[in-house]
Amino acid sequence: MHMNIKELVPEKVESEINSPDHPTRRFVGFALLLAWHYNLWFLHDSFVGAQLLDDCVTQSWLIALVSAAVSFIVIAFALGRKHRLCNIPWMLWTATAAAVICTLALTLFAFSFPTDLIAYALAAVVGITNAILWVMWGELYSRTKTSFSVSYIGTTVGLVTLVCSLICFVLPTGISSVFIALMPLAAGLLFARGATIAKDMPYPTLLPKSTANRALKPMIVVCGTTFVASVACYFLVAIIPWENLPYGEYAFTFGSIGGATLLCIIGVICGLTNDRLNIYRTFPWLIIIAIISFALFLMGERFFVPSFFVVLAAVSIFEVLPIMYFGVLGVKGYVPIGFAFGFSGAFIRLGIAVGNAIALYYEANPAFAKVATDPTSLIFVCILAAVIIPLVRQEYNITQLMAPPATESSQEHRIKELAAEFSLSARETEIVMLIARGFTTDNVAKKLVISPYTVNTHIRHVYEKVGIHKRSELIDYINRTGSDDDKKA
């Protein structure tokens, strides 16, 4: 008798076999997108014909940030609950080619023209393509059910960014620009490989709205915290006179390298200690670090250097934390994956742009800045301190969202929610209850005194209503994070 090898392999093991390499290596492509962003806008000699802190470069960066933030939000709402960027055949290579070409043009030629409008247009395209590729990687991770732990993503993003930054730092101007432009190409190639391996893997099925709504308030708090912290941190980064920093413009490169190193160290420590650091509990500590940076700044010029490097390192970690948080929610089905990764990028980029814009206004009005900078810094300290309160209040809720599979009582509650959401009949609900407890089709038939054919018919109807395709998907759907019954236990 012929035996299919897949029948001998547990589905979880099969998923791990088919998934793209070790969980740490899965993040290399996504890490290259972040390295592309940091090296393009923080490397001291990225642009031929312009200095890093020239007004035209700064304005181009702001345009790239805003275009990326807007693109994230537009993509999230355009995709909705059913559509995927990965399902558009031409999207990957069109976005990748545009990213490579526009990066090359921006770094090598754009600032040689009499007008800066060309640079601004190229920067806008760079921001848009960054958002598209960012969301596509999120869709791939949702299909492979990637673990967004600190030890995985922190180590990979930190190490890849660090290595790429060091390579760019030693390469001569022009060559480093080409190297930066090749980063999105490398990310695209890795994505194509991962997508080929994951082509038969389903996307997470979205949870019923009554269940998913429990994640809404924590999401709002995380988005708001990310935005406020980004505004404050990049206001401080931009308001410190670079002339007061050692190595001048190189300080931004060193700050980026320092942030990558810190992220890598945190990831390695978590991996060595088997400590899957609670993503959410990291936020308040980063807020406190930002407050300390402002305190150093207010103490005078002697403390500008530690203030600058501490806050720049902290904000580098801020960009990664929302990715991990929203990635988990997307994989668990609380939000569409387009929303998850779109929002993870939108609020950090928008906050960075606003913080820099405020600082630029102050720099353009020295008289106003002289009397307003310190009071503004104190206001930011108060706002950051206030943000900690809702963060702490939401800690329990977020712990529940990240919790292991549900117990039997919460599983039953989840099935009732599912039945109400998708209008399952009483018999269909009863069958789903038994399947969740491990009953086979024959066992269900005997239990309910009906034929196996009738059981399969009801199961097929359940699949059609919920939008899934096999029993393992149904069980995985039911066993995701526990419902309110867990909170009462």
Protein backbone atom coordinates (compact mmCIF):
# COMPACT_ATOMS: atom_id res chain seq x y z
CA MET A 1 0.00 0.00 0.00
CA HIS A 2 1.34 3.41 -0.95
CA MET A 3 1.81 5.78 2.01
CA ASN A 4 2.09 9.53 1.51
CA ILE A 5 5.09 10.77 3.47
CA LYS A 6 3.14 13.88 4.50
CA GLU A 7 0.78 11.68 6.50
CA LEU A 8 3.71 10.59 8.66
CA VAL A 9 4.91 14.12 9.41
CA PRO A 10 3.11 16.27 11.98
CA GLU A 11 1.80 19.42 10.39
CA LYS A 12 3.80 21.71 12.70
CA VAL A 13 7.02 19.91 11.79
CA GLU A 14 6.08 20.01 8.12
CA SER A 15 5.58 23.77 8.38
CA GLU A 16 9.01 24.18 9.92
CA ILE A 17 10.59 22.03 7.21
CA ASN A 18 8.94 24.00 4.42
CA SER A 19 9.51 27.42 5.96
CA PRO A 20 12.45 29.51 4.78
CA ASP A 21 15.39 28.44 6.91
CA HIS A 22 15.87 29.13 10.60
CA PRO A 23 13.61 31.80 12.16
CA THR A 24 16.59 34.11 12.64
CA ARG A 25 17.59 33.92 8.97
CA ARG A 26 14.04 34.63 7.83
CA PHE A 27 14.48 38.24 8.93
CA VAL A 28 17.58 38.91 6.82
CA GLY A 29 15.56 40.26 3.88
CA PHE A 30 13.45 42.50 6.07
CA ALA A 31 16.58 43.64 7.92
CA LEU A 32 18.05 44.70 4.58
CA LEU A 33 15.09 47.08 4.11
CA LEU A 34 15.88 48.74 7.43
CA ALA A 35 19.61 48.80 6.62
CA TRP A 36 18.77 50.40 3.26
CA HIS A 37 16.80 53.15 5.03
CA TYR A 38 19.42 53.86 7.71
CA ASN A 39 22.43 53.82 5.41
CA LEU A 40 20.76 55.96 2.78
CA TRP A 41 19.82 58.74 5.20
CA PHE A 42 22.44 58.44 7.96
CA LEU A 43 25.67 57.63 6.14
CA HIS A 44 27.92 60.69 6.00
CA ASP A 45 28.75 60.43 2.29
CA SER A 46 25.73 58.71 0.76
CA PHE A 47 25.06 61.52 -1.70
CA VAL A 48 27.35 62.71 -4.46
CA GLY A 49 27.23 66.49 -4.71
CA ALA A 50 25.60 67.09 -1.31
CA GLN A 51 26.43 66.76 2.38
CA LEU A 52 24.33 64.73 4.77
CA LEU A 53 23.04 67.79 6.67
CA ASP A 54 22.44 70.04 3.65
CA ASP A 55 18.92 71.45 3.54
CA CYS A 56 18.13 69.68 0.28
CA VAL A 57 19.06 66.28 1.77
CA THR A 58 17.10 66.91 4.96
CA GLN A 59 14.02 67.97 2.99
CA SER A 60 14.35 64.92 0.76
CA TRP A 61 14.46 62.73 3.86
CA LEU A 62 11.31 64.34 5.25
CA ILE A 63 9.55 63.75 1.93
CA ALA A 64 10.63 60.09 1.98
CA LEU A 65 9.33 59.69 5.54
CA VAL A 66 5.96 61.30 4.82
CA SER A 67 5.48 59.43 1.54
CA ALA A 68 6.27 56.15 3.32
CA ALA A 69 3.87 56.92 6.19
CA VAL A 70 1.05 57.87 3.81
CA SER A 71 1.74 54.80 1.66
CA PHE A 72 1.57 52.52 4.71
CA ILE A 73 -1.85 53.85 5.63
CA VAL A 74 -3.19 53.82 2.06
CA ILE A 75 -1.98 50.24 1.54
CA ALA A 76 -3.53 49.11 4.82
CA PHE A 77 -6.98 50.44 3.95
CA ALA A 78 -6.76 49.49 0.25
CA LEU A 79 -5.96 45.86 1.07
CA GLY A 80 -8.64 45.58 3.73
CA ARG A 81 -9.40 42.11 5.08
CA LYS A 82 -9.20 40.08 1.89
CA HIS A 83 -6.55 41.43 -0.50
CA ARG A 84 -2.77 40.88 -0.50
CA LEU A 85 0.08 42.69 -2.24
CA CYS A 86 1.79 39.33 -2.74
CA ASN A 87 -1.09 38.25 -4.98
CA ILE A 88 -0.23 40.98 -7.51
CA PRO A 89 2.30 39.22 -9.81
CA TRP A 90 4.22 42.32 -10.93
CA MET A 91 4.35 44.10 -7.56
CA LEU A 92 7.56 42.61 -6.13
CA TRP A 93 9.89 43.26 -9.04
CA THR A 94 8.31 46.59 -9.98
CA ALA A 95 8.78 47.92 -6.43
CA THR A 96 12.27 46.44 -6.18
CA ALA A 97 13.40 47.88 -9.52
CA ALA A 98 11.98 51.29 -8.65
CA ALA A 99 13.74 51.19 -5.26
CA VAL A 100 17.10 50.32 -6.82
CA ILE A 101 16.90 52.81 -9.69
CA CYS A 102 15.63 55.69 -7.58
CA THR A 103 18.24 55.07 -4.87
CA LEU A 104 21.02 55.13 -7.46
CA ALA A 105 19.66 58.28 -9.09
CA LEU A 106 19.11 60.00 -5.75
CA THR A 107 22.58 59.27 -4.39
CA LEU A 108 24.63 59.72 -7.58
CA PHE A 109 22.93 62.39 -9.71
CA ALA A 110 19.90 64.08 -8.13
CA PHE A 111 21.72 66.82 -6.25
CA SER A 112 23.81 67.79 -9.29
CA PHE A 113 20.82 69.43 -11.00
CA PRO A 114 19.96 73.14 -10.61
CA THR A 115 16.60 72.25 -9.03
CA ASP A 116 15.97 70.00 -6.03
CA LEU A 117 12.58 68.91 -7.34
CA ILE A 118 14.12 65.85 -8.99
CA ALA A 119 15.62 64.76 -5.67
CA TYR A 120 12.29 65.29 -3.93
CA ALA A 121 10.45 63.15 -6.48
CA LEU A 122 13.00 60.36 -6.20
CA ALA A 123 12.84 60.49 -2.40
CA ALA A 124 9.05 60.14 -2.57
CA VAL A 125 9.36 57.01 -4.73
CA VAL A 126 11.96 55.59 -2.34
CA GLY A 127 9.51 56.06 0.53
CA ILE A 128 6.62 54.47 -1.38
CA THR A 129 8.62 51.43 -2.48
CA ASN A 130 9.95 50.98 1.06
CA ALA A 131 6.37 50.80 2.33
CA ILE A 132 5.32 48.32 -0.36
CA LEU A 133 8.23 45.95 0.27
CA TRP A 134 7.78 46.30 4.04
CA VAL A 135 4.12 45.16 3.86
CA MET A 136 4.96 42.34 1.44
CA TRP A 137 7.50 40.95 3.89
CA GLY A 138 4.82 41.08 6.56
CA GLU A 139 2.49 39.05 4.36
CA LEU A 140 5.20 36.45 3.84
CA TYR A 141 5.89 36.20 7.58
CA SER A 142 2.18 35.73 8.28
CA ARG A 143 2.05 32.75 5.93
CA THR A 144 5.07 31.07 7.51
CA LYS A 145 3.76 31.89 11.03
CA THR A 146 7.11 33.44 11.89
CA SER A 147 7.95 34.00 15.54
CA PHE A 148 8.49 37.71 16.22
CA SER A 149 10.64 37.21 19.31
CA VAL A 150 13.36 39.65 20.34
CA SER A 151 16.04 36.99 20.06
CA TYR A 152 15.17 36.36 16.41
CA ILE A 153 14.34 39.75 14.93
CA GLY A 154 16.58 41.77 17.26
CA THR A 155 19.69 39.73 16.49
CA THR A 156 19.09 39.65 12.75
CA VAL A 157 18.10 43.30 12.24
CA GLY A 158 20.90 44.50 14.51
CA LEU A 159 23.59 42.35 12.91
CA VAL A 160 22.56 43.00 9.29
CA THR A 161 22.28 46.76 9.87
CA LEU A 162 25.62 46.81 11.69
CA VAL A 163 27.47 44.88 8.99
CA CYS A 164 25.95 46.93 6.15
CA SER A 165 26.73 50.19 7.96
CA LEU A 166 30.36 49.21 8.54
CA ILE A 167 30.78 48.19 4.90
CA CYS A 168 29.27 51.47 3.70
CA PHE A 169 31.46 53.40 6.12
CA VAL A 170 34.70 52.05 4.64
CA LEU A 171 33.64 52.20 0.98
CA PRO A 172 34.45 55.37 -1.00
CA THR A 173 31.70 57.77 -2.03
CA GLY A 174 29.90 56.49 -5.11
CA ILE A 175 30.73 52.86 -4.42
CA SER A 176 28.88 53.05 -1.12
CA SER A 177 25.91 54.51 -2.98
CA VAL A 178 25.81 51.51 -5.29
CA PHE A 179 26.08 49.17 -2.30
CA ILE A 180 23.12 50.89 -0.63
CA ALA A 181 21.07 50.61 -3.84
CA LEU A 182 21.74 46.86 -3.97
CA MET A 183 20.17 46.29 -0.54
CA PRO A 184 16.53 46.37 -1.73
CA LEU A 185 17.56 44.13 -4.64
CA ALA A 186 19.02 41.58 -2.23
CA ALA A 187 15.85 41.85 -0.12
CA GLY A 188 13.73 41.24 -3.23
CA LEU A 189 15.71 38.14 -4.18
CA LEU A 190 15.36 36.73 -0.67
CA PHE A 191 11.66 37.50 -0.74
CA ALA A 192 11.21 35.65 -4.04
CA ARG A 193 12.92 32.60 -2.55
CA GLY A 194 10.79 32.72 0.59
CA ALA A 195 7.58 33.23 -1.40
CA THR A 196 8.35 30.17 -3.52
CA ILE A 197 8.76 28.02 -0.42
CA ALA A 198 5.62 29.44 1.22
CA LYS A 199 3.39 29.43 -1.88
CA ASP A 200 1.11 26.65 -0.55
CA MET A 201 0.91 28.04 2.99
CA PRO A 202 -2.35 29.81 3.88
CA TYR A 203 -2.64 33.30 5.31
CA PRO A 204 -3.92 33.54 8.90
CA THR A 205 -7.70 33.54 9.11
CA LEU A 206 -8.96 36.68 10.78
CA LEU A 207 -10.57 36.22 14.16
CA PRO A 208 -14.23 37.15 14.73
CA LYS A 209 -14.66 40.88 15.25
CA SER A 210 -15.92 40.37 18.80
CA THR A 211 -12.64 38.66 19.63
CA ALA A 212 -10.38 40.93 17.57
CA ASN A 213 -11.84 44.06 19.18
CA ARG A 214 -10.01 43.20 22.40
CA ALA A 215 -6.78 44.15 20.63
CA LEU A 216 -8.07 47.56 19.53
CA LYS A 217 -7.30 49.56 22.68
CA PRO A 218 -3.76 48.18 23.14
CA MET A 219 -3.12 48.87 19.44
CA ILE A 220 -4.20 52.50 19.84
CA VAL A 221 -1.93 52.88 22.87
CA VAL A 222 1.05 51.35 21.03
CA CYS A 223 0.47 53.50 17.93
CA GLY A 224 0.11 56.65 20.01
CA THR A 225 3.15 55.84 22.12
CA THR A 226 5.26 55.12 19.04
CA PHE A 227 4.23 58.38 17.40
CA VAL A 228 4.80 60.56 20.50
CA ALA A 229 8.15 58.93 21.31
CA SER A 230 9.33 59.32 17.71
CA VAL A 231 8.37 62.99 17.62
CA ALA A 232 10.17 63.66 20.90
CA CYS A 233 13.29 61.64 20.15
CA TYR A 234 13.88 63.03 16.67
CA PHE A 235 13.19 66.55 17.84
CA LEU A 236 16.05 66.05 20.29
CA VAL A 237 18.28 64.41 17.66
CA ALA A 238 17.73 67.30 15.24
CA ILE A 239 17.81 70.19 17.71
CA ILE A 240 21.29 69.35 19.09
CA PRO A 241 23.77 71.40 17.02
CA TRP A 242 25.85 68.94 15.06
CA GLU A 243 28.81 71.30 15.38
CA ASN A 244 28.85 70.40 19.10
CA LEU A 245 29.16 66.70 18.32
CA PRO A 246 32.46 64.87 17.84
CA TYR A 247 33.24 64.01 14.22
CA GLY A 248 30.50 66.37 12.94
CA GLU A 249 28.25 64.66 10.39
CA TYR A 250 29.88 61.31 11.18
CA ALA A 251 28.02 61.40 14.51
CA PHE A 252 24.82 60.31 12.75
CA THR A 253 26.60 57.32 11.21
CA PHE A 254 28.10 56.35 14.56
CA GLY A 255 24.73 56.78 16.25
CA SER A 256 23.09 54.45 13.73
CA ILE A 257 25.87 51.90 14.22
CA GLY A 258 25.46 52.21 17.99
CA GLY A 259 21.72 51.55 17.76
CA ALA A 260 22.29 48.47 15.60
CA THR A 261 24.93 47.20 18.02
CA LEU A 262 22.63 47.67 21.01
CA LEU A 263 19.78 45.88 19.26
CA CYS A 264 22.08 43.01 18.34
CA ILE A 265 23.34 42.71 21.93
CA ILE A 266 19.79 42.63 23.31
CA GLY A 267 18.81 39.93 20.82
CA VAL A 268 21.85 37.79 21.60
CA ILE A 269 21.29 38.06 25.36
CA CYS A 270 17.65 37.01 24.96
CA GLY A 271 18.70 34.08 22.79
CA LEU A 272 21.42 32.87 25.17
CA THR A 273 19.15 33.05 28.20
CA ASN A 274 16.13 31.57 26.39
CA ASP A 275 14.31 34.70 27.48
CA ARG A 276 11.63 35.68 25.00
CA LEU A 277 11.57 39.24 26.29
CA ASN A 278 8.07 40.62 26.61
CA ILE A 279 7.84 43.06 23.73
CA TYR A 280 5.36 45.31 25.41
CA ARG A 281 7.29 45.71 28.68
CA THR A 282 10.22 47.14 26.74
CA PHE A 283 8.28 50.26 25.75
CA PRO A 284 8.22 51.97 29.18
CA TRP A 285 11.97 51.48 29.60
CA LEU A 286 12.66 53.10 26.26
CA ILE A 287 10.42 56.00 27.25
CA ILE A 288 12.47 56.39 30.43
CA ILE A 289 15.69 56.36 28.37
CA ALA A 290 14.25 59.12 26.17
CA ILE A 291 13.38 61.17 29.27
CA ILE A 292 16.96 60.73 30.55
CA SER A 293 18.26 61.96 27.18
CA PHE A 294 16.18 65.13 27.47
CA ALA A 295 17.43 65.63 31.03
CA LEU A 296 21.03 65.41 29.80
CA PHE A 297 20.28 67.90 27.03
CA LEU A 298 18.79 70.38 29.50
CA MET A 299 21.93 70.15 31.66
CA GLY A 300 23.93 72.03 29.03
CA GLU A 301 26.38 71.65 26.16
CA ARG A 302 28.69 69.35 28.10
CA PHE A 303 26.01 66.67 27.96
CA PHE A 304 24.94 67.09 24.33
CA VAL A 305 27.07 64.15 23.19
CA PRO A 306 25.66 61.49 25.57
CA SER A 307 22.16 62.89 25.03
CA PHE A 308 22.49 62.57 21.25
CA PHE A 309 23.89 59.04 21.17
CA VAL A 310 21.55 57.66 23.85
CA VAL A 311 18.39 58.95 22.20
CA LEU A 312 19.50 57.89 18.70
CA ALA A 313 20.21 54.37 19.94
CA ALA A 314 16.85 54.24 21.73
CA VAL A 315 14.87 55.39 18.71
CA SER A 316 16.54 52.69 16.58
CA ILE A 317 15.01 50.11 18.91
CA PHE A 318 11.69 51.95 18.82
CA GLU A 319 11.45 51.25 15.10
CA VAL A 320 11.77 47.50 15.64
CA LEU A 321 9.41 47.02 18.61
CA PRO A 322 6.18 47.91 16.77
CA ILE A 323 7.17 45.46 14.03
CA MET A 324 7.34 42.65 16.59
CA TYR A 325 4.13 43.67 18.34
CA PHE A 326 1.98 44.14 15.25
CA GLY A 327 3.60 41.11 13.62
CA VAL A 328 2.33 38.91 16.44
CA LEU A 329 -1.18 40.38 16.18
CA GLY A 330 -1.18 39.83 12.41
CA VAL A 331 -0.04 36.21 12.64
CA LYS A 332 -2.65 35.50 15.33
CA GLY A 333 -5.40 36.98 13.15
CA TYR A 334 -6.35 39.95 15.32
CA VAL A 335 -5.81 42.37 12.44
CA PRO A 336 -5.30 41.99 8.69
CA ILE A 337 -1.60 41.63 7.99
CA GLY A 338 -1.66 44.73 5.78
CA PHE A 339 -2.93 46.76 8.72
CA ALA A 340 -0.42 45.13 11.07
CA PHE A 341 2.68 45.95 9.06
CA GLY A 342 1.27 49.15 7.62
CA PHE A 343 0.64 50.62 11.06
CA SER A 344 3.96 49.30 12.39
CA GLY A 345 5.75 51.50 9.87
CA ALA A 346 3.36 54.43 9.50
CA PHE A 347 3.42 55.88 13.00
CA ILE A 348 7.18 55.63 13.51
CA ARG A 349 7.90 57.31 10.14
CA LEU A 350 5.29 60.00 10.65
CA GLY A 351 6.60 60.72 14.16
CA ILE A 352 10.17 61.02 12.90
CA ALA A 353 9.04 63.47 10.21
CA VAL A 354 7.07 65.64 12.65
CA GLY A 355 9.91 65.72 15.20
CA ASN A 356 12.40 66.77 12.54
CA ALA A 357 10.04 69.36 11.09
CA ILE A 358 9.59 71.02 14.49
CA ALA A 359 13.36 71.12 15.02
CA LEU A 360 13.89 72.58 11.54
CA TYR A 361 11.40 75.35 12.28
CA TYR A 362 13.31 76.19 15.44
CA GLU A 363 16.61 76.23 13.55
CA ALA A 364 15.15 78.54 10.92
CA ASN A 365 14.05 80.96 13.67
CA PRO A 366 17.04 81.32 16.02
CA ALA A 367 15.46 84.04 18.17
CA PHE A 368 12.40 81.90 18.81
CA ALA A 369 14.50 78.78 19.36
CA LYS A 370 16.61 80.53 22.00
CA VAL A 371 13.60 81.07 24.27
CA ALA A 372 11.48 78.05 23.25
CA THR A 373 13.88 75.08 23.02
CA ASP A 374 14.21 74.38 26.75
CA PRO A 375 10.47 74.81 27.51
CA THR A 376 9.65 72.57 24.54
CA SER A 377 12.04 69.95 25.87
CA LEU A 378 10.34 70.09 29.26
CA ILE A 379 6.95 69.69 27.58
CA PHE A 380 8.21 66.59 25.77
CA VAL A 381 9.49 65.18 29.09
CA CYS A 382 6.03 65.65 30.62
CA ILE A 383 4.30 64.09 27.61
CA LEU A 384 6.65 61.09 27.65
CA ALA A 385 6.10 60.61 31.38
CA ALA A 386 2.33 60.77 30.86
CA VAL A 387 2.51 58.17 28.07
CA ILE A 388 3.90 55.61 30.52
CA ILE A 389 0.57 55.51 32.40
CA PRO A 390 -1.60 54.03 29.61
CA LEU A 391 1.30 51.73 28.70
CA VAL A 392 1.34 50.22 32.18
CA ARG A 393 -2.45 50.02 32.32
CA GLN A 394 -2.52 48.01 29.08
CA GLU A 395 0.19 45.58 30.20
CA TYR A 396 -2.27 42.92 31.37
CA ASN A 397 -4.32 43.13 28.17
CA ILE A 398 -1.27 42.77 25.98
CA THR A 399 -0.07 39.80 28.01
CA GLN A 400 -3.39 38.12 27.32
CA LEU A 401 -3.07 38.85 23.60
CA MET A 402 0.37 37.23 23.54
CA ALA A 403 -0.72 34.27 25.71
CA PRO A 404 -0.48 30.56 24.73
CA PRO A 405 -3.44 28.68 23.20
CA ALA A 406 -6.74 28.79 25.00
CA THR A 407 -7.95 26.42 27.72
CA GLU A 408 -11.02 24.26 27.17
CA SER A 409 -13.41 26.80 28.75
CA SER A 410 -12.07 29.70 26.68
CA GLN A 411 -12.00 27.45 23.63
CA GLU A 412 -15.71 26.87 24.04
CA HIS A 413 -16.26 30.61 24.40
CA ARG A 414 -14.23 31.20 21.23
CA ILE A 415 -16.33 28.71 19.27
CA LYS A 416 -19.51 30.47 20.36
CA GLU A 417 -18.05 33.77 19.17
CA LEU A 418 -17.09 32.13 15.89
CA ALA A 419 -20.59 30.71 15.48
CA ALA A 420 -22.15 34.11 16.05
CA GLU A 421 -19.71 35.87 13.70
CA PHE A 422 -20.15 33.47 10.78
CA SER A 423 -23.78 32.40 11.38
CA LEU A 424 -23.03 28.74 12.03
CA SER A 425 -26.04 26.53 12.63
CA ALA A 426 -26.49 24.77 15.97
CA ARG A 427 -25.40 21.45 14.42
CA GLU A 428 -22.34 23.04 12.77
CA THR A 429 -21.36 24.63 16.10
CA GLU A 430 -21.76 21.30 17.88
CA ILE A 431 -19.51 19.57 15.34
CA VAL A 432 -16.86 22.29 15.61
CA MET A 433 -16.91 21.83 19.41
CA LEU A 434 -16.18 18.12 19.01
CA ILE A 435 -13.47 18.65 16.39
CA ALA A 436 -11.74 21.12 18.71
CA ARG A 437 -11.68 18.38 21.39
CA GLY A 438 -9.92 15.99 19.01
CA PHE A 439 -12.86 13.97 17.66
CA THR A 440 -12.40 12.35 14.25
CA THR A 441 -15.17 12.34 11.65
CA ASP A 442 -16.23 8.81 12.64
CA ASN A 443 -16.18 9.72 16.34
CA VAL A 444 -18.36 12.76 15.67
CA ALA A 445 -20.77 10.62 13.64
CA LYS A 446 -21.10 8.10 16.46
CA LYS A 447 -21.46 10.78 19.11
CA LEU A 448 -24.24 12.59 17.24
CA VAL A 449 -25.77 9.45 15.70
CA ILE A 450 -25.45 10.71 12.13
CA SER A 451 -23.53 9.43 9.11
CA PRO A 452 -19.88 10.39 8.42
CA TYR A 453 -21.08 11.82 5.09
CA THR A 454 -23.40 14.21 6.93
CA VAL A 455 -20.56 15.22 9.27
CA ASN A 456 -18.30 16.01 6.32
CA THR A 457 -21.08 18.04 4.69
CA HIS A 458 -21.44 20.16 7.83
CA ILE A 459 -17.66 20.57 8.07
CA ARG A 460 -17.49 21.69 4.45
CA HIS A 461 -20.16 24.31 5.16
CA VAL A 462 -18.15 25.53 8.15
CA TYR A 463 -15.03 25.86 5.98
CA GLU A 464 -16.96 27.88 3.39
CA LYS A 465 -18.45 30.23 5.97
CA VAL A 466 -15.23 30.83 7.91
CA GLY A 467 -13.00 30.96 4.81
CA ILE A 468 -10.60 28.13 5.62
CA HIS A 469 -9.70 24.95 3.78
CA LYS A 470 -8.76 22.13 6.15
CA ARG A 471 -9.19 20.82 9.67
CA SER A 472 -5.76 21.90 10.91
CA GLU A 473 -6.56 25.51 9.97
CA LEU A 474 -9.85 25.28 11.88
CA ILE A 475 -8.14 23.93 14.99
CA ASP A 476 -5.35 26.53 14.77
CA TYR A 477 -7.99 29.24 14.40
CA ILE A 478 -9.87 28.10 17.49
CA ASN A 479 -6.77 27.63 19.63
CA ARG A 480 -5.35 31.12 19.21
CA THR A 481 -5.09 33.51 22.13
CA GLY A 482 -7.68 32.85 24.85
CA SER A 483 -10.75 34.95 25.32
CA ASP A 484 -12.12 36.78 28.34
CA ASP A 485 -12.63 33.48 30.15
CA ASP A 486 -8.85 33.37 30.64
CA LYS A 487 -8.91 36.71 32.38
CA LYS A 488 -11.43 35.40 34.90
CA ALA A 489 -9.45 32.25 35.61
